[in-house]
Amino acid sequence: MNEIIHGQVMFLLASLVCGMLLIVFYEPLRFLRCIFHHSKAVVCIEDILYWAAASIPVYMMFFYYNDGELRWYGFLMLIAGG
């Protein structure tokens, strides 16, 4: 039983840290947008590319810690980390 709980706690912590890292890597993009004016089309393309790239570590985290099962509390911790 302890192994199951330990695995789920590690999954929650990994989700939290992953959410924090996603925001840490998004902040320089927001900073550049404040310095240099981007059109709405460029902002849209940047966001699409960022989130497409960000989906890879999120998928890897879900696959590694939770055997690929999508759990609502994993997404909740991603958002809380952000």
Protein backbone atom coordinates (compact mmCIF):
# COMPACT_ATOMS: atom_id res chain seq x y z
CA MET A 1 0.00 0.00 0.00
CA ASN A 2 2.82 2.41 0.82
CA GLU A 3 4.29 1.95 -2.67
CA ILE A 4 1.00 2.98 -4.29
CA ILE A 5 0.69 6.08 -2.12
CA HIS A 6 4.36 6.93 -2.64
CA GLY A 7 3.92 6.64 -6.40
CA GLN A 8 0.89 8.92 -6.42
CA VAL A 9 2.59 11.51 -4.20
CA MET A 10 5.61 11.47 -6.55
CA PHE A 11 3.23 11.92 -9.48
CA LEU A 12 1.59 14.93 -7.80
CA LEU A 13 4.95 16.50 -7.00
CA ALA A 14 6.20 15.87 -10.53
CA SER A 15 3.03 17.48 -11.92
CA LEU A 16 3.52 20.50 -9.67
CA VAL A 17 7.18 20.91 -10.67
CA CYS A 18 6.34 20.41 -14.34
CA GLY A 19 3.74 23.19 -14.13
CA MET A 20 6.29 25.46 -12.48
CA LEU A 21 8.86 24.74 -15.18
CA LEU A 22 6.34 25.41 -17.93
CA ILE A 23 5.71 28.88 -16.54
CA VAL A 24 9.42 29.52 -15.96
CA PHE A 25 10.07 28.84 -19.64
CA TYR A 26 7.03 30.88 -20.73
CA GLU A 27 8.07 34.01 -18.81
CA PRO A 28 10.97 34.94 -21.15
CA LEU A 29 8.54 34.78 -24.05
CA ARG A 30 6.21 37.18 -22.23
CA PHE A 31 9.17 39.40 -21.37
CA LEU A 32 10.18 39.61 -25.04
CA ARG A 33 6.62 40.54 -25.92
CA CYS A 34 6.81 43.47 -23.52
CA ILE A 35 10.06 44.71 -25.04
CA PHE A 36 9.25 44.11 -28.71
CA HIS A 37 5.78 44.63 -30.09
CA HIS A 38 4.32 41.51 -31.72
CA SER A 39 1.25 41.38 -33.88
CA LYS A 40 -1.63 39.17 -32.77
CA ALA A 41 -0.79 36.65 -35.50
CA VAL A 42 2.81 36.34 -34.31
CA VAL A 43 1.69 35.97 -30.69
CA CYS A 44 -0.72 33.24 -31.75
CA ILE A 45 1.99 31.38 -33.65
CA GLU A 46 4.44 31.72 -30.74
CA ASP A 47 1.85 30.37 -28.31
CA ILE A 48 0.98 27.44 -30.55
CA LEU A 49 4.65 26.53 -30.94
CA TYR A 50 5.33 26.93 -27.22
CA TRP A 51 2.42 24.79 -26.11
CA ALA A 52 3.17 22.16 -28.76
CA ALA A 53 6.72 21.98 -27.40
CA ALA A 54 5.46 22.05 -23.79
CA SER A 55 3.17 19.09 -24.42
CA ILE A 56 6.19 16.81 -24.88
CA PRO A 57 7.55 17.01 -21.29
CA VAL A 58 3.98 16.89 -19.92
CA TYR A 59 3.31 13.70 -21.87
CA MET A 60 6.63 12.22 -20.76
CA MET A 61 5.85 13.06 -17.13
CA PHE A 62 2.40 11.45 -17.33
CA PHE A 63 3.87 8.41 -19.08
CA TYR A 64 6.76 7.95 -16.66
CA TYR A 65 5.00 8.57 -13.35
CA ASN A 66 1.48 7.36 -14.13
CA ASP A 67 1.92 4.83 -16.94
CA GLY A 68 0.25 7.19 -19.39
CA GLU A 69 -3.00 7.45 -17.47
CA LEU A 70 -4.50 10.92 -17.51
CA ARG A 71 -5.73 11.88 -14.07
CA TRP A 72 -7.65 15.05 -13.28
CA TYR A 73 -5.55 15.80 -10.22
CA GLY A 74 -2.41 15.65 -12.39
CA PHE A 75 -3.80 18.42 -14.56
CA LEU A 76 -4.91 20.29 -11.45
CA MET A 77 -1.35 20.18 -10.09
CA LEU A 78 0.03 21.35 -13.45
CA ILE A 79 -2.23 24.38 -13.24
CA ALA A 80 -1.43 24.93 -9.56
CA GLY A 81 2.28 24.80 -10.36
CA GLY A 82 1.79 27.47 -13.00
